Protein backbone atom coordinates (compact mmCIF):
# COMPACT_ATOMS: atom_id res chain seq x y z
CA MET A 1 -14.65 1.19 -7.56
CA LYS A 2 -10.90 1.59 -7.26
CA LYS A 3 -8.31 -0.96 -6.25
CA VAL A 4 -5.37 0.69 -4.55
CA GLU A 5 -2.23 -1.43 -4.30
CA ILE A 6 0.70 -0.15 -2.27
CA ILE A 7 4.11 -1.73 -1.78
CA ILE A 8 6.02 -0.25 1.15
CA GLU A 9 8.66 -1.19 3.69
CA SER A 10 7.18 -3.03 6.62
CA VAL A 11 8.13 -0.36 9.14
CA TYR A 12 5.63 2.02 7.52
CA VAL A 13 2.62 -0.29 7.31
CA ASN A 14 0.96 0.97 10.50
CA ARG A 15 1.27 4.57 9.32
CA LEU A 16 -0.32 3.63 6.02
CA ILE A 17 -3.18 1.81 7.75
CA ASP A 18 -3.76 4.86 9.96
CA LEU A 19 -3.92 6.98 6.81
CA LEU A 20 -6.47 4.65 5.22
CA LYS A 21 -8.61 4.53 8.36
CA SER A 22 -8.52 8.30 8.81
CA ASN A 23 -10.10 8.52 5.34
CA ASP A 24 -12.85 6.02 6.18
CA ILE A 25 -11.20 3.15 4.32
CA ASN A 26 -11.41 0.35 6.86
CA GLY A 27 -11.07 -2.74 4.69
CA TYR A 28 -7.64 -3.78 3.49
CA THR A 29 -5.36 -6.77 3.02
CA ILE A 30 -1.69 -6.99 3.96
CA ILE A 31 0.69 -9.54 2.50
CA LYS A 32 3.97 -9.58 4.37
CA ASP A 33 7.50 -10.33 3.22
CA ILE A 34 7.08 -9.92 -0.50
CA GLN A 35 10.11 -9.87 -2.74
CA GLY A 36 10.99 -8.52 -6.15
CA ALA A 37 13.20 -6.07 -7.96
CA GLY A 38 12.75 -2.43 -8.91
CA GLY A 39 14.45 0.91 -8.92
CA HIS A 40 16.21 0.16 -5.64
CA GLY A 41 17.43 -3.24 -6.77
CA LEU A 42 16.53 -6.66 -5.46
CA LYS A 43 14.43 -6.87 -2.30
CA THR A 44 14.44 -10.28 -0.72
CA ALA A 45 12.01 -11.63 1.83
CA ASP A 46 14.46 -13.75 3.76
CA ASP A 47 15.79 -11.21 6.25
CA VAL A 48 16.09 -12.32 9.86
CA THR A 49 13.95 -9.38 10.92
CA ASP A 50 11.21 -7.82 8.86
CA VAL A 51 12.57 -4.30 9.29
CA PHE A 52 13.76 -4.03 5.70
CA SER A 53 11.20 -6.30 4.10
CA ASN A 54 8.45 -5.05 1.82
CA ASN A 55 4.76 -5.48 2.42
CA TYR A 56 1.91 -5.38 -0.08
CA VAL A 57 -1.24 -3.61 1.02
CA PHE A 58 -4.37 -3.41 -1.06
CA THR A 59 -7.85 -2.11 -0.66
CA VAL A 60 -10.92 -1.66 -2.81
CA CYS A 61 -12.99 1.43 -2.19
CA GLU A 62 -15.53 3.75 -3.73
CA GLU A 63 -14.01 6.16 -6.22
CA SER A 64 -15.06 9.15 -4.10
CA LYS A 65 -13.08 7.79 -1.13
CA TYR A 66 -10.08 7.22 -3.35
CA LEU A 67 -10.27 10.78 -4.69
CA ASN A 68 -10.32 12.07 -1.10
CA ILE A 69 -7.14 10.15 -0.21
CA GLU A 70 -5.25 10.34 -3.52
CA ASP A 71 -3.13 13.36 -2.58
CA SER A 72 -2.35 11.96 0.88
CA ILE A 73 -1.17 8.65 -0.60
CA SER A 74 1.01 10.49 -3.09
CA LYS A 75 2.62 12.50 -0.28
CA PHE A 76 3.03 9.32 1.79
CA ILE A 77 4.86 7.53 -1.03
CA LYS A 78 7.09 10.53 -1.69
CA ARG A 79 8.02 10.69 1.99
CA TYR A 80 8.45 7.00 2.83
CA GLY A 81 9.08 5.44 -0.57
CA GLY A 82 7.23 2.62 -2.22
CA LYS A 83 4.89 2.17 -5.13
CA CYS A 84 1.17 2.73 -5.54
CA ILE A 85 -0.90 1.25 -8.35
CA VAL A 86 -4.53 2.28 -8.85
CA SER A 87 -6.97 0.56 -11.16
CA ASP A 88 -10.65 0.50 -11.93
CA VAL A 89 -12.31 -2.67 -10.69
CA MET A 90 -15.72 -4.22 -10.31
CA LEU A 91 -16.75 -6.34 -7.35
CA LEU A 92 -18.55 -9.50 -8.33
CA ILE A 93 -20.01 -10.13 -4.88
């Protein structure tokens, strides 16, 4: 199993979800208005609108599904920005 964690600007979340669903990955979690610092400096979560806020999206899927979507996620991140972290995981239940 793979856990795929993606941090992207909120305006691109729906496109990312469409990408996941089109690759038969239908389970995911979205945490809105996250904040932190990285290569683009400090990102706060206190904007009046959520246009420039970051969201955290994660999913856990079979490795074969991840391998099918790996290249598409890479292209997505290169086009829209963000970070993607992939790790091996085991589901307890």
